[in-house]
Amino acid sequence: MLTANFFVMNYTIKVSDTGDYILITVDGNVNPEIAMEYTAKSHKLGNELGIMKFLVDLRNARNVEMLGDNYNFVTQDLADHQRVDRRAKVALLVSKEDHSHDFIETVSRNSGHNVTLFRSLKKALKHLRS
């Protein structure tokens, strides 16, 4: 019997109503390819508009990849991509019970990216605006 992993995922990218950060809202299972797609597109928009702050709303998204794939995503894919700026301030907003994104925060921070994980929208916004 053959099995397959299906990654059904939708995301939106827009400038916040206040204009001070880019909002990426993600729904579904996250894999490195899709994460790279929305990361590159949002950073391109941020570069065009001079916005270096990003809120990635992952409350309806789960990271379903293996630790090694997550590690390679941060240390290779993000590091090699020309549009991703390490100086960007990124807040990852996850649901209270979701720990599937925790490793991404750790590897990102250890690799020099300004990425912080939050389980509260209020705290994430306070962080981005500080």
N, C-alpha and C. Protein backbone atom coordinates (compact mmCIF):
# COMPACT_ATOMS: atom_id res chain seq x y z
N MET A 1 0.84 -1.18 0.00
CA MET A 1 0.00 0.00 0.00
C MET A 1 0.88 1.24 0.00
N LEU A 2 0.58 2.18 -0.85
CA LEU A 2 1.31 3.44 -0.91
C LEU A 2 0.62 4.48 -0.05
N THR A 3 1.43 5.25 0.63
CA THR A 3 0.89 6.37 1.39
C THR A 3 1.59 7.63 0.92
N ALA A 4 0.95 8.74 1.12
CA ALA A 4 1.53 10.02 0.71
C ALA A 4 1.15 11.09 1.72
N ASN A 5 2.03 12.02 1.86
CA ASN A 5 1.74 13.19 2.69
C ASN A 5 1.20 14.29 1.79
N PHE A 6 0.08 14.82 2.15
CA PHE A 6 -0.50 15.91 1.38
C PHE A 6 -0.41 17.18 2.20
N PHE A 7 0.06 18.22 1.56
CA PHE A 7 0.22 19.50 2.24
C PHE A 7 -0.77 20.48 1.62
N VAL A 8 -1.89 20.61 2.27
CA VAL A 8 -2.89 21.57 1.83
C VAL A 8 -2.67 22.82 2.66
N MET A 9 -2.33 23.88 2.00
CA MET A 9 -1.97 25.06 2.74
C MET A 9 -2.37 26.30 1.98
N ASN A 10 -2.87 27.23 2.73
CA ASN A 10 -3.22 28.53 2.19
C ASN A 10 -2.56 29.58 3.05
N TYR A 11 -2.18 30.67 2.43
CA TYR A 11 -1.63 31.78 3.19
C TYR A 11 -1.98 33.09 2.51
N THR A 12 -1.99 34.13 3.31
CA THR A 12 -2.18 35.48 2.79
C THR A 12 -1.06 36.35 3.32
N ILE A 13 -0.69 37.33 2.54
CA ILE A 13 0.35 38.29 2.92
C ILE A 13 -0.23 39.67 2.69
N LYS A 14 -0.17 40.51 3.71
CA LYS A 14 -0.65 41.88 3.55
C LYS A 14 0.05 42.78 4.55
N VAL A 15 -0.01 44.05 4.27
CA VAL A 15 0.50 45.05 5.21
C VAL A 15 -0.54 45.24 6.29
N SER A 16 -0.09 45.34 7.53
CA SER A 16 -1.03 45.53 8.64
C SER A 16 -1.81 46.83 8.46
N ASP A 17 -2.95 46.91 9.13
CA ASP A 17 -3.78 48.11 9.06
C ASP A 17 -3.01 49.35 9.53
N THR A 18 -2.08 49.16 10.45
CA THR A 18 -1.28 50.27 10.97
C THR A 18 -0.08 50.59 10.08
N GLY A 19 0.24 49.69 9.16
CA GLY A 19 1.31 49.93 8.21
C GLY A 19 2.71 49.71 8.74
N ASP A 20 2.83 49.15 9.95
CA ASP A 20 4.17 49.03 10.54
C ASP A 20 4.73 47.61 10.51
N TYR A 21 3.98 46.64 10.00
CA TYR A 21 4.50 45.29 9.85
C TYR A 21 3.74 44.58 8.74
N ILE A 22 4.36 43.50 8.25
CA ILE A 22 3.73 42.64 7.25
C ILE A 22 3.08 41.47 8.00
N LEU A 23 1.84 41.18 7.68
CA LEU A 23 1.09 40.09 8.30
C LEU A 23 1.00 38.93 7.32
N ILE A 24 1.49 37.77 7.76
CA ILE A 24 1.37 36.54 7.00
C ILE A 24 0.46 35.63 7.81
N THR A 25 -0.67 35.25 7.24
CA THR A 25 -1.61 34.35 7.91
C THR A 25 -1.58 33.01 7.19
N VAL A 26 -1.30 31.95 7.95
CA VAL A 26 -1.09 30.63 7.36
C VAL A 26 -2.13 29.66 7.91
N ASP A 27 -2.69 28.84 7.01
CA ASP A 27 -3.65 27.80 7.39
C ASP A 27 -3.22 26.48 6.78
N GLY A 28 -3.18 25.43 7.58
CA GLY A 28 -2.86 24.10 7.08
C GLY A 28 -1.51 23.61 7.58
N ASN A 29 -1.06 22.51 7.01
CA ASN A 29 0.22 21.93 7.37
C ASN A 29 1.35 22.68 6.67
N VAL A 30 2.40 22.94 7.43
CA VAL A 30 3.54 23.71 6.91
C VAL A 30 4.69 22.77 6.59
N ASN A 31 5.28 22.96 5.42
CA ASN A 31 6.51 22.26 5.07
C ASN A 31 7.53 23.31 4.62
N PRO A 32 8.80 22.95 4.49
CA PRO A 32 9.82 23.96 4.14
C PRO A 32 9.58 24.67 2.82
N GLU A 33 9.06 23.98 1.83
CA GLU A 33 8.84 24.61 0.52
C GLU A 33 7.80 25.72 0.61
N ILE A 34 6.70 25.43 1.27
CA ILE A 34 5.65 26.44 1.41
C ILE A 34 6.13 27.58 2.32
N ALA A 35 6.82 27.24 3.41
CA ALA A 35 7.34 28.27 4.32
C ALA A 35 8.31 29.18 3.58
N MET A 36 9.15 28.62 2.71
CA MET A 36 10.08 29.45 1.95
C MET A 36 9.33 30.35 0.98
N GLU A 37 8.26 29.83 0.41
CA GLU A 37 7.46 30.61 -0.54
C GLU A 37 6.87 31.85 0.14
N TYR A 38 6.18 31.67 1.28
CA TYR A 38 5.57 32.84 1.89
C TYR A 38 6.61 33.74 2.56
N THR A 39 7.71 33.16 3.01
CA THR A 39 8.77 33.98 3.59
C THR A 39 9.40 34.87 2.53
N ALA A 40 9.75 34.30 1.39
CA ALA A 40 10.37 35.08 0.31
C ALA A 40 9.44 36.16 -0.20
N LYS A 41 8.17 35.82 -0.40
CA LYS A 41 7.21 36.81 -0.90
C LYS A 41 6.99 37.94 0.10
N SER A 42 6.89 37.60 1.37
CA SER A 42 6.65 38.65 2.38
C SER A 42 7.88 39.53 2.54
N HIS A 43 9.08 38.97 2.48
CA HIS A 43 10.29 39.78 2.59
C HIS A 43 10.47 40.66 1.35
N LYS A 44 10.07 40.16 0.19
CA LYS A 44 10.12 41.00 -1.02
C LYS A 44 9.21 42.21 -0.84
N LEU A 45 7.99 41.98 -0.36
CA LEU A 45 7.06 43.08 -0.11
C LEU A 45 7.64 44.04 0.94
N GLY A 46 8.17 43.48 2.01
CA GLY A 46 8.77 44.30 3.05
C GLY A 46 9.92 45.15 2.53
N ASN A 47 10.77 44.57 1.69
CA ASN A 47 11.88 45.33 1.10
C ASN A 47 11.36 46.46 0.21
N GLU A 48 10.34 46.18 -0.57
CA GLU A 48 9.76 47.20 -1.46
C GLU A 48 9.17 48.37 -0.68
N LEU A 49 8.58 48.08 0.50
CA LEU A 49 7.90 49.09 1.29
C LEU A 49 8.74 49.63 2.45
N GLY A 50 9.92 49.08 2.65
CA GLY A 50 10.76 49.51 3.76
C GLY A 50 10.25 49.05 5.12
N ILE A 51 9.59 47.90 5.15
CA ILE A 51 9.07 47.34 6.41
C ILE A 51 9.90 46.11 6.76
N MET A 52 10.47 46.12 7.95
CA MET A 52 11.36 45.03 8.38
C MET A 52 10.77 44.23 9.55
N LYS A 53 9.47 44.33 9.75
CA LYS A 53 8.81 43.60 10.84
C LYS A 53 7.72 42.72 10.25
N PHE A 54 7.66 41.47 10.76
CA PHE A 54 6.74 40.48 10.22
C PHE A 54 6.05 39.72 11.34
N LEU A 55 4.74 39.60 11.21
CA LEU A 55 3.95 38.76 12.10
C LEU A 55 3.47 37.57 11.29
N VAL A 56 3.92 36.37 11.66
CA VAL A 56 3.51 35.15 10.98
C VAL A 56 2.49 34.46 11.87
N ASP A 57 1.23 34.54 11.49
CA ASP A 57 0.13 33.96 12.26
C ASP A 57 -0.03 32.49 11.87
N LEU A 58 0.48 31.62 12.75
CA LEU A 58 0.45 30.18 12.53
C LEU A 58 -0.54 29.48 13.44
N ARG A 59 -1.51 30.22 13.97
CA ARG A 59 -2.45 29.61 14.91
C ARG A 59 -3.29 28.52 14.29
N ASN A 60 -3.44 28.53 12.96
CA ASN A 60 -4.19 27.48 12.27
C ASN A 60 -3.29 26.66 11.37
N ALA A 61 -2.01 26.60 11.72
CA ALA A 61 -1.04 25.87 10.91
C ALA A 61 -0.14 25.03 11.81
N ARG A 62 0.18 23.84 11.34
CA ARG A 62 1.08 22.96 12.10
C ARG A 62 2.31 22.64 11.26
N ASN A 63 3.44 22.65 11.92
CA ASN A 63 4.68 22.24 11.28
C ASN A 63 4.74 20.71 11.35
N VAL A 64 4.70 20.06 10.20
CA VAL A 64 4.64 18.60 10.18
C VAL A 64 5.93 17.97 9.70
N GLU A 65 6.99 18.76 9.60
CA GLU A 65 8.26 18.25 9.10
C GLU A 65 9.14 17.67 10.21
N MET A 66 10.09 16.86 9.81
CA MET A 66 11.05 16.26 10.72
C MET A 66 12.05 17.34 11.16
N LEU A 67 12.67 17.14 12.30
CA LEU A 67 13.63 18.11 12.84
C LEU A 67 14.75 18.42 11.85
N GLY A 68 15.27 17.42 11.19
CA GLY A 68 16.36 17.64 10.23
C GLY A 68 15.94 18.54 9.08
N ASP A 69 14.72 18.36 8.60
CA ASP A 69 14.22 19.21 7.51
C ASP A 69 14.03 20.64 7.99
N ASN A 70 13.56 20.80 9.22
CA ASN A 70 13.42 22.15 9.78
C ASN A 70 14.78 22.81 9.94
N TYR A 71 15.76 22.05 10.41
CA TYR A 71 17.12 22.56 10.58
C TYR A 71 17.69 23.02 9.24
N ASN A 72 17.55 22.19 8.21
CA ASN A 72 18.05 22.55 6.88
C ASN A 72 17.32 23.75 6.31
N PHE A 73 16.04 23.86 6.57
CA PHE A 73 15.27 25.02 6.10
C PHE A 73 15.90 26.31 6.61
N VAL A 74 16.20 26.36 7.89
CA VAL A 74 16.74 27.59 8.49
C VAL A 74 18.20 27.80 8.09
N THR A 75 19.02 26.76 8.26
CA THR A 75 20.46 26.94 8.08
C THR A 75 20.90 26.95 6.62
N GLN A 76 20.10 26.40 5.73
CA GLN A 76 20.47 26.39 4.32
C GLN A 76 19.54 27.24 3.47
N ASP A 77 18.24 26.91 3.48
CA ASP A 77 17.29 27.60 2.59
C ASP A 77 17.19 29.09 2.92
N LEU A 78 16.94 29.42 4.17
CA LEU A 78 16.84 30.83 4.56
C LEU A 78 18.17 31.54 4.39
N ALA A 79 19.25 30.87 4.80
CA ALA A 79 20.57 31.48 4.73
C ALA A 79 20.98 31.80 3.30
N ASP A 80 20.57 30.97 2.35
CA ASP A 80 20.97 31.14 0.96
C ASP A 80 20.05 32.06 0.16
N HIS A 81 18.89 32.36 0.69
CA HIS A 81 17.91 33.13 -0.09
C HIS A 81 18.23 34.63 -0.01
N GLN A 82 18.31 35.26 -1.16
CA GLN A 82 18.72 36.66 -1.24
C GLN A 82 17.69 37.63 -0.65
N ARG A 83 16.43 37.29 -0.67
CA ARG A 83 15.40 38.21 -0.21
C ARG A 83 15.19 38.19 1.30
N VAL A 84 15.67 37.16 1.97
CA VAL A 84 15.45 37.03 3.41
C VAL A 84 16.55 37.78 4.15
N ASP A 85 16.16 38.80 4.88
CA ASP A 85 17.09 39.67 5.59
C ASP A 85 17.14 39.26 7.06
N ARG A 86 18.31 38.90 7.54
CA ARG A 86 18.48 38.49 8.95
C ARG A 86 18.12 39.60 9.93
N ARG A 87 18.16 40.83 9.47
CA ARG A 87 17.85 41.96 10.36
C ARG A 87 16.35 42.11 10.62
N ALA A 88 15.54 41.41 9.85
CA ALA A 88 14.09 41.51 10.01
C ALA A 88 13.68 41.00 11.39
N LYS A 89 12.70 41.67 11.97
CA LYS A 89 12.14 41.24 13.25
C LYS A 89 10.89 40.42 12.94
N VAL A 90 10.89 39.15 13.37
CA VAL A 90 9.82 38.22 13.03
C VAL A 90 9.19 37.69 14.32
N ALA A 91 7.87 37.81 14.41
CA ALA A 91 7.11 37.22 15.52
C ALA A 91 6.29 36.07 14.94
N LEU A 92 6.51 34.87 15.47
CA LEU A 92 5.71 33.71 15.10
C LEU A 92 4.61 33.56 16.13
N LEU A 93 3.37 33.66 15.70
CA LEU A 93 2.23 33.53 16.60
C LEU A 93 1.62 32.15 16.41
N VAL A 94 1.62 31.34 17.49
CA VAL A 94 1.11 29.97 17.42
C VAL A 94 0.01 29.79 18.46
N SER A 95 -0.78 28.75 18.29
CA SER A 95 -1.82 28.46 19.28
C SER A 95 -1.18 27.96 20.57
N LYS A 96 -1.90 28.08 21.66
CA LYS A 96 -1.35 27.78 22.99
C LYS A 96 -0.85 26.34 23.12
N GLU A 97 -1.51 25.41 22.49
CA GLU A 97 -1.14 24.00 22.65
C GLU A 97 -0.17 23.51 21.57
N ASP A 98 0.18 24.33 20.62
CA ASP A 98 1.02 23.92 19.50
C ASP A 98 2.51 24.16 19.79
N HIS A 99 3.27 23.08 19.81
CA HIS A 99 4.73 23.18 20.01
C HIS A 99 5.48 22.73 18.76
N SER A 100 4.77 22.60 17.64
CA SER A 100 5.39 22.11 16.42
C SER A 100 6.33 23.13 15.78
N HIS A 101 6.26 24.39 16.19
CA HIS A 101 7.10 25.44 15.62
C HIS A 101 8.26 25.82 16.54
N ASP A 102 8.33 25.23 17.72
CA ASP A 102 9.33 25.62 18.72
C ASP A 102 10.76 25.46 18.21
N PHE A 103 11.04 24.36 17.52
CA PHE A 103 12.39 24.11 17.04
C PHE A 103 12.82 25.14 16.01
N ILE A 104 11.89 25.60 15.18
CA ILE A 104 12.20 26.63 14.18
C ILE A 104 12.69 27.90 14.88
N GLU A 105 12.02 28.28 15.96
CA GLU A 105 12.46 29.47 16.70
C GLU A 105 13.88 29.29 17.22
N THR A 106 14.16 28.14 17.82
CA THR A 106 15.48 27.89 18.39
C THR A 106 16.57 27.93 17.33
N VAL A 107 16.38 27.21 16.24
CA VAL A 107 17.39 27.17 15.18
C VAL A 107 17.53 28.55 14.53
N SER A 108 16.42 29.25 14.34
CA SER A 108 16.48 30.59 13.74
C SER A 108 17.31 31.53 14.60
N ARG A 109 17.02 31.56 15.88
CA ARG A 109 17.76 32.44 16.79
C ARG A 109 19.24 32.05 16.84
N ASN A 110 19.51 30.76 16.89
CA ASN A 110 20.90 30.29 16.93
C ASN A 110 21.64 30.60 15.63
N SER A 111 20.90 30.81 14.54
CA SER A 111 21.50 31.12 13.24
C SER A 111 21.56 32.62 12.97
N GLY A 112 21.19 33.41 13.95
CA GLY A 112 21.30 34.86 13.80
C GLY A 112 20.07 35.58 13.30
N HIS A 113 18.95 34.89 13.19
CA HIS A 113 17.70 35.53 12.77
C HIS A 113 16.97 36.04 14.01
N ASN A 114 16.32 37.18 13.87
CA ASN A 114 15.56 37.79 14.97
C ASN A 114 14.13 37.26 14.93
N VAL A 115 13.96 36.02 15.37
CA VAL A 115 12.67 35.32 15.35
C VAL A 115 12.29 34.97 16.78
N THR A 116 11.06 35.33 17.16
CA THR A 116 10.57 35.01 18.50
C THR A 116 9.17 34.43 18.38
N LEU A 117 8.93 33.36 19.12
CA LEU A 117 7.65 32.67 19.11
C LEU A 117 6.76 33.18 20.24
N PHE A 118 5.48 33.38 19.93
CA PHE A 118 4.50 33.87 20.91
C PHE A 118 3.24 33.04 20.84
N ARG A 119 2.55 32.98 21.97
CA ARG A 119 1.25 32.33 22.05
C ARG A 119 0.15 33.34 22.38
N SER A 120 0.51 34.61 22.34
CA SER A 120 -0.41 35.70 22.61
C SER A 120 -0.22 36.78 21.54
N LEU A 121 -1.32 37.14 20.87
CA LEU A 121 -1.26 38.19 19.85
C LEU A 121 -0.81 39.50 20.46
N LYS A 122 -1.33 39.82 21.62
CA LYS A 122 -0.97 41.08 22.29
C LYS A 122 0.54 41.16 22.53
N LYS A 123 1.14 40.08 23.02
CA LYS A 123 2.58 40.06 23.29
C LYS A 123 3.39 40.11 22.00
N ALA A 124 2.91 39.43 20.97
CA ALA A 124 3.61 39.45 19.68
C ALA A 124 3.64 40.86 19.10
N LEU A 125 2.51 41.54 19.15
CA LEU A 125 2.45 42.91 18.63
C LEU A 125 3.30 43.86 19.46
N LYS A 126 3.29 43.69 20.77
CA LYS A 126 4.12 44.52 21.65
C LYS A 126 5.59 44.34 21.30
N HIS A 127 5.99 43.10 21.06
CA HIS A 127 7.36 42.80 20.68
C HIS A 127 7.72 43.47 19.34
N LEU A 128 6.85 43.35 18.36
CA LEU A 128 7.15 43.94 17.05
C LEU A 128 7.25 45.47 17.12
N ARG A 129 6.49 46.04 17.99
CA ARG A 129 6.45 47.51 18.08
C ARG A 129 7.47 48.08 19.06
N SER A 130 8.21 47.23 19.75
CA SER A 130 9.21 47.72 20.70
C SER A 130 10.50 48.08 20.02
